[in-house]
ModelCIF file with pLDDT and N, C-alpha, C, O atoms, coordinates in Angstrom:
data_MODEL
#
_entry.id   MODEL 
#
_entity.id                         1 
_entity.type                       polymer 
_entity.pdbx_number_of_molecules   1 
#
_entity_poly.entity_id                      1 
_entity_poly.type                           'polypeptide(L)' 
_entity_poly.nstd_linkage                   no 
_entity_poly.nstd_monomer                   no 
_entity_poly.pdbx_seq_one_letter_code       PFEQKHAVVVAEKMAGFAKGMKSVDQRKLIRLGLLHDIGK 
_entity_poly.pdbx_seq_one_letter_code_can   PFEQKHAVVVAEKMAGFAKGMKSVDQRKLIRLGLLHDIGK 
_entity_poly.pdbx_strand_id                 A 
#
loop_
_entity_poly_seq.entity_id 
_entity_poly_seq.num 
_entity_poly_seq.mon_id 
_entity_poly_seq.hetero 
1 1  PRO n 
1 2  PHE n 
1 3  GLU n 
1 4  GLN n 
1 5  LYS n 
1 6  HIS n 
1 7  ALA n 
1 8  VAL n 
1 9  VAL n 
1 10 VAL n 
1 11 ALA n 
1 12 GLU n 
1 13 LYS n 
1 14 MET n 
1 15 ALA n 
1 16 GLY n 
1 17 PHE n 
1 18 ALA n 
1 19 LYS n 
1 20 GLY n 
1 21 MET n 
1 22 LYS n 
1 23 SER n 
1 24 VAL n 
1 25 ASP n 
1 26 GLN n 
1 27 ARG n 
1 28 LYS n 
1 29 LEU n 
1 30 ILE n 
1 31 ARG n 
1 32 LEU n 
1 33 GLY n 
1 34 LEU n 
1 35 LEU n 
1 36 HIS n 
1 37 ASP n 
1 38 ILE n 
1 39 GLY n 
1 40 LYS n 
#
_struct_asym.id          A 
_struct_asym.entity_id   1 
#
loop_
_ma_qa_metric.id 
_ma_qa_metric.mode 
_ma_qa_metric.name 
_ma_qa_metric.software_group_id 
_ma_qa_metric.type 
1 global pLDDT . pLDDT 
2 local  pLDDT . pLDDT 
#
_ma_qa_metric_global.metric_id      1 
_ma_qa_metric_global.metric_value   94.92 
_ma_qa_metric_global.model_id       1 
_ma_qa_metric_global.ordinal_id     1 
#
loop_
_ma_qa_metric_local.label_asym_id 
_ma_qa_metric_local.label_comp_id 
_ma_qa_metric_local.label_seq_id 
_ma_qa_metric_local.metric_id 
_ma_qa_metric_local.metric_value 
_ma_qa_metric_local.model_id 
_ma_qa_metric_local.ordinal_id 
A PRO 1  2 91.00 1 1  
A PHE 2  2 89.00 1 2  
A GLU 3  2 92.00 1 3  
A GLN 4  2 95.00 1 4  
A LYS 5  2 93.00 1 5  
A HIS 6  2 92.00 1 6  
A ALA 7  2 96.00 1 7  
A VAL 8  2 97.00 1 8  
A VAL 9  2 94.00 1 9  
A VAL 10 2 95.00 1 10 
A ALA 11 2 97.00 1 11 
A GLU 12 2 97.00 1 12 
A LYS 13 2 96.00 1 13 
A MET 14 2 96.00 1 14 
A ALA 15 2 96.00 1 15 
A GLY 16 2 95.00 1 16 
A PHE 17 2 95.00 1 17 
A ALA 18 2 95.00 1 18 
A LYS 19 2 93.00 1 19 
A GLY 20 2 89.00 1 20 
A MET 21 2 93.00 1 21 
A LYS 22 2 90.00 1 22 
A SER 23 2 92.00 1 23 
A VAL 24 2 95.00 1 24 
A ASP 25 2 95.00 1 25 
A GLN 26 2 95.00 1 26 
A ARG 27 2 96.00 1 27 
A LYS 28 2 96.00 1 28 
A LEU 29 2 96.00 1 29 
A ILE 30 2 97.00 1 30 
A ARG 31 2 98.00 1 31 
A LEU 32 2 97.00 1 32 
A GLY 33 2 97.00 1 33 
A LEU 34 2 98.00 1 34 
A LEU 35 2 98.00 1 35 
A HIS 36 2 96.00 1 36 
A ASP 37 2 95.00 1 37 
A ILE 38 2 98.00 1 38 
A GLY 39 2 97.00 1 39 
A LYS 40 2 95.00 1 40 
#
loop_
_atom_site.group_PDB 
_atom_site.id 
_atom_site.type_symbol 
_atom_site.label_atom_id 
_atom_site.label_alt_id 
_atom_site.label_comp_id 
_atom_site.label_asym_id 
_atom_site.label_entity_id 
_atom_site.label_seq_id 
_atom_site.pdbx_PDB_ins_code 
_atom_site.Cartn_x 
_atom_site.Cartn_y 
_atom_site.Cartn_z 
_atom_site.occupancy 
_atom_site.B_iso_or_equiv 
_atom_site.pdbx_formal_charge 
_atom_site.auth_seq_id 
_atom_site.auth_comp_id 
_atom_site.auth_asym_id 
_atom_site.auth_atom_id 
_atom_site.pdbx_PDB_model_num 
ATOM 1   N N  . PRO A 1 1  ? 1.255   60.340 -19.080 1.00 91.00 ? 1  PRO A N  1 
ATOM 2   C CA . PRO A 1 1  ? 1.100   58.886 -19.198 1.00 91.00 ? 1  PRO A CA 1 
ATOM 3   C C  . PRO A 1 1  ? 1.545   58.098 -17.963 1.00 91.00 ? 1  PRO A C  1 
ATOM 4   O O  . PRO A 1 1  ? 0.916   57.095 -17.625 1.00 91.00 ? 1  PRO A O  1 
ATOM 5   N N  . PHE A 1 2  ? 2.605   58.524 -17.285 1.00 89.00 ? 2  PHE A N  1 
ATOM 6   C CA . PHE A 1 2  ? 3.047   57.775 -16.103 1.00 89.00 ? 2  PHE A CA 1 
ATOM 7   C C  . PHE A 1 2  ? 2.034   57.876 -14.973 1.00 89.00 ? 2  PHE A C  1 
ATOM 8   O O  . PHE A 1 2  ? 1.912   56.945 -14.177 1.00 89.00 ? 2  PHE A O  1 
ATOM 9   N N  . GLU A 1 3  ? 1.295   58.996 -14.882 1.00 92.00 ? 3  GLU A N  1 
ATOM 10  C CA . GLU A 1 3  ? 0.241   59.132 -13.871 1.00 92.00 ? 3  GLU A CA 1 
ATOM 11  C C  . GLU A 1 3  ? -0.983  58.307 -14.266 1.00 92.00 ? 3  GLU A C  1 
ATOM 12  O O  . GLU A 1 3  ? -1.640  57.715 -13.410 1.00 92.00 ? 3  GLU A O  1 
ATOM 13  N N  . GLN A 1 4  ? -1.288  58.269 -15.570 1.00 95.00 ? 4  GLN A N  1 
ATOM 14  C CA . GLN A 1 4  ? -2.392  57.427 -16.048 1.00 95.00 ? 4  GLN A CA 1 
ATOM 15  C C  . GLN A 1 4  ? -2.109  55.970 -15.698 1.00 95.00 ? 4  GLN A C  1 
ATOM 16  O O  . GLN A 1 4  ? -2.969  55.274 -15.157 1.00 95.00 ? 4  GLN A O  1 
ATOM 17  N N  . LYS A 1 5  ? -0.911  55.520 -16.006 1.00 93.00 ? 5  LYS A N  1 
ATOM 18  C CA . LYS A 1 5  ? -0.535  54.122 -15.747 1.00 93.00 ? 5  LYS A CA 1 
ATOM 19  C C  . LYS A 1 5  ? -0.619  53.827 -14.254 1.00 93.00 ? 5  LYS A C  1 
ATOM 20  O O  . LYS A 1 5  ? -1.115  52.775 -13.852 1.00 93.00 ? 5  LYS A O  1 
ATOM 21  N N  . HIS A 1 6  ? -0.130  54.762 -13.429 1.00 92.00 ? 6  HIS A N  1 
ATOM 22  C CA . HIS A 1 6  ? -0.218  54.582 -11.975 1.00 92.00 ? 6  HIS A CA 1 
ATOM 23  C C  . HIS A 1 6  ? -1.675  54.398 -11.554 1.00 92.00 ? 6  HIS A C  1 
ATOM 24  O O  . HIS A 1 6  ? -1.981  53.519 -10.748 1.00 92.00 ? 6  HIS A O  1 
ATOM 25  N N  . ALA A 1 7  ? -2.574  55.223 -12.094 1.00 96.00 ? 7  ALA A N  1 
ATOM 26  C CA . ALA A 1 7  ? -3.986  55.131 -11.726 1.00 96.00 ? 7  ALA A CA 1 
ATOM 27  C C  . ALA A 1 7  ? -4.592  53.794 -12.156 1.00 96.00 ? 7  ALA A C  1 
ATOM 28  O O  . ALA A 1 7  ? -5.387  53.208 -11.420 1.00 96.00 ? 7  ALA A O  1 
ATOM 29  N N  . VAL A 1 8  ? -4.223  53.315 -13.332 1.00 97.00 ? 8  VAL A N  1 
ATOM 30  C CA . VAL A 1 8  ? -4.715  52.014 -13.802 1.00 97.00 ? 8  VAL A CA 1 
ATOM 31  C C  . VAL A 1 8  ? -4.218  50.905 -12.871 1.00 97.00 ? 8  VAL A C  1 
ATOM 32  O O  . VAL A 1 8  ? -4.981  50.019 -12.485 1.00 97.00 ? 8  VAL A O  1 
ATOM 33  N N  . VAL A 1 9  ? -2.942  50.963 -12.518 1.00 94.00 ? 9  VAL A N  1 
ATOM 34  C CA . VAL A 1 9  ? -2.369  49.952 -11.617 1.00 94.00 ? 9  VAL A CA 1 
ATOM 35  C C  . VAL A 1 9  ? -3.076  49.999 -10.262 1.00 94.00 ? 9  VAL A C  1 
ATOM 36  O O  . VAL A 1 9  ? -3.422  48.953 -9.712  1.00 94.00 ? 9  VAL A O  1 
ATOM 37  N N  . VAL A 1 10 ? -3.293  51.190 -9.721  1.00 95.00 ? 10 VAL A N  1 
ATOM 38  C CA . VAL A 1 10 ? -3.982  51.329 -8.437  1.00 95.00 ? 10 VAL A CA 1 
ATOM 39  C C  . VAL A 1 10 ? -5.395  50.760 -8.533  1.00 95.00 ? 10 VAL A C  1 
ATOM 40  O O  . VAL A 1 10 ? -5.818  50.010 -7.653  1.00 95.00 ? 10 VAL A O  1 
ATOM 41  N N  . ALA A 1 11 ? -6.128  51.105 -9.587  1.00 97.00 ? 11 ALA A N  1 
ATOM 42  C CA . ALA A 1 11 ? -7.507  50.609 -9.744  1.00 97.00 ? 11 ALA A CA 1 
ATOM 43  C C  . ALA A 1 11 ? -7.536  49.086 -9.839  1.00 97.00 ? 11 ALA A C  1 
ATOM 44  O O  . ALA A 1 11 ? -8.390  48.439 -9.232  1.00 97.00 ? 11 ALA A O  1 
ATOM 45  N N  . GLU A 1 12 ? -6.612  48.519 -10.593 1.00 97.00 ? 12 GLU A N  1 
ATOM 46  C CA . GLU A 1 12 ? -6.572  47.053 -10.723 1.00 97.00 ? 12 GLU A CA 1 
ATOM 47  C C  . GLU A 1 12 ? -6.207  46.389 -9.403  1.00 97.00 ? 12 GLU A C  1 
ATOM 48  O O  . GLU A 1 12 ? -6.772  45.354 -9.051  1.00 97.00 ? 12 GLU A O  1 
ATOM 49  N N  . LYS A 1 13 ? -5.276  46.971 -8.678  1.00 96.00 ? 13 LYS A N  1 
ATOM 50  C CA . LYS A 1 13 ? -4.910  46.407 -7.366  1.00 96.00 ? 13 LYS A CA 1 
ATOM 51  C C  . LYS A 1 13 ? -6.076  46.492 -6.393  1.00 96.00 ? 13 LYS A C  1 
ATOM 52  O O  . LYS A 1 13 ? -6.343  45.549 -5.648  1.00 96.00 ? 13 LYS A O  1 
ATOM 53  N N  . MET A 1 14 ? -6.772  47.628 -6.405  1.00 96.00 ? 14 MET A N  1 
ATOM 54  C CA . MET A 1 14 ? -7.929  47.775 -5.527  1.00 96.00 ? 14 MET A CA 1 
ATOM 55  C C  . MET A 1 14 ? -8.960  46.693 -5.824  1.00 96.00 ? 14 MET A C  1 
ATOM 56  O O  . MET A 1 14 ? -9.512  46.080 -4.910  1.00 96.00 ? 14 MET A O  1 
ATOM 57  N N  . ALA A 1 15 ? -9.212  46.465 -7.099  1.00 96.00 ? 15 ALA A N  1 
ATOM 58  C CA . ALA A 1 15 ? -10.178 45.433 -7.490  1.00 96.00 ? 15 ALA A CA 1 
ATOM 59  C C  . ALA A 1 15 ? -9.717  44.060 -7.020  1.00 96.00 ? 15 ALA A C  1 
ATOM 60  O O  . ALA A 1 15 ? -10.524 43.251 -6.562  1.00 96.00 ? 15 ALA A O  1 
ATOM 61  N N  . GLY A 1 16 ? -8.433  43.803 -7.133  1.00 95.00 ? 16 GLY A N  1 
ATOM 62  C CA . GLY A 1 16 ? -7.891  42.518 -6.672  1.00 95.00 ? 16 GLY A CA 1 
ATOM 63  C C  . GLY A 1 16 ? -8.015  42.357 -5.169  1.00 95.00 ? 16 GLY A C  1 
ATOM 64  O O  . GLY A 1 16 ? -8.382  41.287 -4.684  1.00 95.00 ? 16 GLY A O  1 
ATOM 65  N N  . PHE A 1 17 ? -7.710  43.418 -4.428  1.00 95.00 ? 17 PHE A N  1 
ATOM 66  C CA . PHE A 1 17 ? -7.809  43.362 -2.963  1.00 95.00 ? 17 PHE A CA 1 
ATOM 67  C C  . PHE A 1 17 ? -9.253  43.161 -2.511  1.00 95.00 ? 17 PHE A C  1 
ATOM 68  O O  . PHE A 1 17 ? -9.500  42.532 -1.482  1.00 95.00 ? 17 PHE A O  1 
ATOM 69  N N  . ALA A 1 18 ? -10.211 43.696 -3.280  1.00 95.00 ? 18 ALA A N  1 
ATOM 70  C CA . ALA A 1 18 ? -11.625 43.644 -2.885  1.00 95.00 ? 18 ALA A CA 1 
ATOM 71  C C  . ALA A 1 18 ? -12.357 42.415 -3.397  1.00 95.00 ? 18 ALA A C  1 
ATOM 72  O O  . ALA A 1 18 ? -13.542 42.231 -3.120  1.00 95.00 ? 18 ALA A O  1 
ATOM 73  N N  . LYS A 1 19 ? -11.656 41.579 -4.140  1.00 93.00 ? 19 LYS A N  1 
ATOM 74  C CA . LYS A 1 19 ? -12.312 40.388 -4.700  1.00 93.00 ? 19 LYS A CA 1 
ATOM 75  C C  . LYS A 1 19 ? -12.976 39.587 -3.571  1.00 93.00 ? 19 LYS A C  1 
ATOM 76  O O  . LYS A 1 19 ? -12.347 39.264 -2.563  1.00 93.00 ? 19 LYS A O  1 
ATOM 77  N N  . GLY A 1 20 ? -14.230 39.284 -3.765  1.00 89.00 ? 20 GLY A N  1 
ATOM 78  C CA . GLY A 1 20 ? -14.968 38.511 -2.765  1.00 89.00 ? 20 GLY A CA 1 
ATOM 79  C C  . GLY A 1 20 ? -15.615 39.363 -1.674  1.00 89.00 ? 20 GLY A C  1 
ATOM 80  O O  . GLY A 1 20 ? -16.349 38.833 -0.840  1.00 89.00 ? 20 GLY A O  1 
ATOM 81  N N  . MET A 1 21 ? -15.361 40.652 -1.663  1.00 93.00 ? 21 MET A N  1 
ATOM 82  C CA . MET A 1 21 ? -15.982 41.536 -0.665  1.00 93.00 ? 21 MET A CA 1 
ATOM 83  C C  . MET A 1 21 ? -17.340 41.974 -1.215  1.00 93.00 ? 21 MET A C  1 
ATOM 84  O O  . MET A 1 21 ? -17.413 42.855 -2.072  1.00 93.00 ? 21 MET A O  1 
ATOM 85  N N  . LYS A 1 22 ? -18.400 41.360 -0.723  1.00 90.00 ? 22 LYS A N  1 
ATOM 86  C CA . LYS A 1 22 ? -19.734 41.607 -1.257  1.00 90.00 ? 22 LYS A CA 1 
ATOM 87  C C  . LYS A 1 22 ? -20.234 43.027 -1.006  1.00 90.00 ? 22 LYS A C  1 
ATOM 88  O O  . LYS A 1 22 ? -21.075 43.524 -1.754  1.00 90.00 ? 22 LYS A O  1 
ATOM 89  N N  . SER A 1 23 ? -19.727 43.684 0.037   1.00 92.00 ? 23 SER A N  1 
ATOM 90  C CA . SER A 1 23 ? -20.203 45.030 0.374   1.00 92.00 ? 23 SER A CA 1 
ATOM 91  C C  . SER A 1 23 ? -19.566 46.115 -0.490  1.00 92.00 ? 23 SER A C  1 
ATOM 92  O O  . SER A 1 23 ? -19.925 47.287 -0.372  1.00 92.00 ? 23 SER A O  1 
ATOM 93  N N  . VAL A 1 24 ? -18.630 45.741 -1.352  1.00 95.00 ? 24 VAL A N  1 
ATOM 94  C CA . VAL A 1 24 ? -17.906 46.723 -2.158  1.00 95.00 ? 24 VAL A CA 1 
ATOM 95  C C  . VAL A 1 24 ? -18.466 46.770 -3.578  1.00 95.00 ? 24 VAL A C  1 
ATOM 96  O O  . VAL A 1 24 ? -18.599 45.744 -4.246  1.00 95.00 ? 24 VAL A O  1 
ATOM 97  N N  . ASP A 1 25 ? -18.787 47.970 -4.017  1.00 95.00 ? 25 ASP A N  1 
ATOM 98  C CA . ASP A 1 25 ? -19.234 48.209 -5.386  1.00 95.00 ? 25 ASP A CA 1 
ATOM 99  C C  . ASP A 1 25 ? -17.978 48.273 -6.264  1.00 95.00 ? 25 ASP A C  1 
ATOM 100 O O  . ASP A 1 25 ? -17.249 49.264 -6.237  1.00 95.00 ? 25 ASP A O  1 
ATOM 101 N N  . GLN A 1 26 ? -17.733 47.218 -7.035  1.00 95.00 ? 26 GLN A N  1 
ATOM 102 C CA . GLN A 1 26 ? -16.512 47.115 -7.836  1.00 95.00 ? 26 GLN A CA 1 
ATOM 103 C C  . GLN A 1 26 ? -16.367 48.284 -8.819  1.00 95.00 ? 26 GLN A C  1 
ATOM 104 O O  . GLN A 1 26 ? -15.265 48.802 -9.003  1.00 95.00 ? 26 GLN A O  1 
ATOM 105 N N  . ARG A 1 27 ? -17.437 48.689 -9.432  1.00 96.00 ? 27 ARG A N  1 
ATOM 106 C CA . ARG A 1 27 ? -17.379 49.794 -10.404 1.00 96.00 ? 27 ARG A CA 1 
ATOM 107 C C  . ARG A 1 27 ? -16.942 51.093 -9.720  1.00 96.00 ? 27 ARG A C  1 
ATOM 108 O O  . ARG A 1 27 ? -16.068 51.803 -10.216 1.00 96.00 ? 27 ARG A O  1 
ATOM 109 N N  . LYS A 1 28 ? -17.555 51.388 -8.587  1.00 96.00 ? 28 LYS A N  1 
ATOM 110 C CA . LYS A 1 28 ? -17.180 52.590 -7.830  1.00 96.00 ? 28 LYS A CA 1 
ATOM 111 C C  . LYS A 1 28 ? -15.720 52.507 -7.397  1.00 96.00 ? 28 LYS A C  1 
ATOM 112 O O  . LYS A 1 28 ? -14.982 53.488 -7.485  1.00 96.00 ? 28 LYS A O  1 
ATOM 113 N N  . LEU A 1 29 ? -15.320 51.356 -6.938  1.00 96.00 ? 29 LEU A N  1 
ATOM 114 C CA . LEU A 1 29 ? -13.953 51.149 -6.467  1.00 96.00 ? 29 LEU A CA 1 
ATOM 115 C C  . LEU A 1 29 ? -12.930 51.420 -7.581  1.00 96.00 ? 29 LEU A C  1 
ATOM 116 O O  . LEU A 1 29 ? -11.938 52.118 -7.373  1.00 96.00 ? 29 LEU A O  1 
ATOM 117 N N  . ILE A 1 30 ? -13.189 50.862 -8.747  1.00 97.00 ? 30 ILE A N  1 
ATOM 118 C CA . ILE A 1 30 ? -12.270 51.039 -9.880  1.00 97.00 ? 30 ILE A CA 1 
ATOM 119 C C  . ILE A 1 30 ? -12.260 52.494 -10.328 1.00 97.00 ? 30 ILE A C  1 
ATOM 120 O O  . ILE A 1 30 ? -11.204 53.038 -10.649 1.00 97.00 ? 30 ILE A O  1 
ATOM 121 N N  . ARG A 1 31 ? -13.425 53.125 -10.351 1.00 98.00 ? 31 ARG A N  1 
ATOM 122 C CA . ARG A 1 31 ? -13.489 54.535 -10.743 1.00 98.00 ? 31 ARG A CA 1 
ATOM 123 C C  . ARG A 1 31 ? -12.706 55.401 -9.752  1.00 98.00 ? 31 ARG A C  1 
ATOM 124 O O  . ARG A 1 31 ? -12.017 56.335 -10.162 1.00 98.00 ? 31 ARG A O  1 
ATOM 125 N N  . LEU A 1 32 ? -12.804 55.104 -8.474  1.00 97.00 ? 32 LEU A N  1 
ATOM 126 C CA . LEU A 1 32 ? -12.028 55.838 -7.465  1.00 97.00 ? 32 LEU A CA 1 
ATOM 127 C C  . LEU A 1 32 ? -10.533 55.648 -7.713  1.00 97.00 ? 32 LEU A C  1 
ATOM 128 O O  . LEU A 1 32 ? -9.765  56.608 -7.645  1.00 97.00 ? 32 LEU A O  1 
ATOM 129 N N  . GLY A 1 33 ? -10.124 54.434 -7.995  1.00 97.00 ? 33 GLY A N  1 
ATOM 130 C CA . GLY A 1 33 ? -8.714  54.185 -8.294  1.00 97.00 ? 33 GLY A CA 1 
ATOM 131 C C  . GLY A 1 33 ? -8.234  54.968 -9.496  1.00 97.00 ? 33 GLY A C  1 
ATOM 132 O O  . GLY A 1 33 ? -7.126  55.504 -9.492  1.00 97.00 ? 33 GLY A O  1 
ATOM 133 N N  . LEU A 1 34 ? -9.058  55.036 -10.522 1.00 98.00 ? 34 LEU A N  1 
ATOM 134 C CA . LEU A 1 34 ? -8.684  55.765 -11.732 1.00 98.00 ? 34 LEU A CA 1 
ATOM 135 C C  . LEU A 1 34 ? -8.654  57.282 -11.517 1.00 98.00 ? 34 LEU A C  1 
ATOM 136 O O  . LEU A 1 34 ? -7.857  57.983 -12.140 1.00 98.00 ? 34 LEU A O  1 
ATOM 137 N N  . LEU A 1 35 ? -9.515  57.782 -10.643 1.00 98.00 ? 35 LEU A N  1 
ATOM 138 C CA . LEU A 1 35 ? -9.664  59.231 -10.483 1.00 98.00 ? 35 LEU A CA 1 
ATOM 139 C C  . LEU A 1 35 ? -8.966  59.806 -9.255  1.00 98.00 ? 35 LEU A C  1 
ATOM 140 O O  . LEU A 1 35 ? -8.987  61.022 -9.066  1.00 98.00 ? 35 LEU A O  1 
ATOM 141 N N  . HIS A 1 36 ? -8.355  58.986 -8.421  1.00 96.00 ? 36 HIS A N  1 
ATOM 142 C CA . HIS A 1 36 ? -7.842  59.481 -7.143  1.00 96.00 ? 36 HIS A CA 1 
ATOM 143 C C  . HIS A 1 36 ? -6.793  60.582 -7.268  1.00 96.00 ? 36 HIS A C  1 
ATOM 144 O O  . HIS A 1 36 ? -6.711  61.432 -6.381  1.00 96.00 ? 36 HIS A O  1 
ATOM 145 N N  . ASP A 1 37 ? -6.005  60.602 -8.310  1.00 95.00 ? 37 ASP A N  1 
ATOM 146 C CA . ASP A 1 37 ? -4.963  61.621 -8.494  1.00 95.00 ? 37 ASP A CA 1 
ATOM 147 C C  . ASP A 1 37 ? -5.308  62.627 -9.593  1.00 95.00 ? 37 ASP A C  1 
ATOM 148 O O  . ASP A 1 37 ? -4.415  63.298 -10.111 1.00 95.00 ? 37 ASP A O  1 
ATOM 149 N N  . ILE A 1 38 ? -6.571  62.742 -9.952  1.00 98.00 ? 38 ILE A N  1 
ATOM 150 C CA . ILE A 1 38 ? -6.972  63.565 -11.088 1.00 98.00 ? 38 ILE A CA 1 
ATOM 151 C C  . ILE A 1 38 ? -6.601  65.036 -10.900 1.00 98.00 ? 38 ILE A C  1 
ATOM 152 O O  . ILE A 1 38 ? -6.421  65.756 -11.883 1.00 98.00 ? 38 ILE A O  1 
ATOM 153 N N  . GLY A 1 39 ? -6.486  65.484 -9.668  1.00 97.00 ? 39 GLY A N  1 
ATOM 154 C CA . GLY A 1 39 ? -6.090  66.871 -9.400  1.00 97.00 ? 39 GLY A CA 1 
ATOM 155 C C  . GLY A 1 39 ? -4.713  67.215 -9.927  1.00 97.00 ? 39 GLY A C  1 
ATOM 156 O O  . GLY A 1 39 ? -4.403  68.386 -10.148 1.00 97.00 ? 39 GLY A O  1 
ATOM 157 N N  . LYS A 1 40 ? -3.885  66.203 -10.129 1.00 95.00 ? 40 LYS A N  1 
ATOM 158 C CA . LYS A 1 40 ? -2.545  66.438 -10.664 1.00 95.00 ? 40 LYS A CA 1 
ATOM 159 C C  . LYS A 1 40 ? -2.591  66.913 -12.114 1.00 95.00 ? 40 LYS A C  1 
ATOM 160 O O  . LYS A 1 40 ? -1.546  67.157 -12.717 1.00 95.00 ? 40 LYS A O  1 
#
């Protein structure tokens, strides 16, 4: 659960940082944030 929560926080922060960036696919960005540590 602590790794899940970390991934959610990372995905939400990424989305916040990218707000207004038209070249960024928000869905892909959030999915990357959620999956970045999946190897753990």
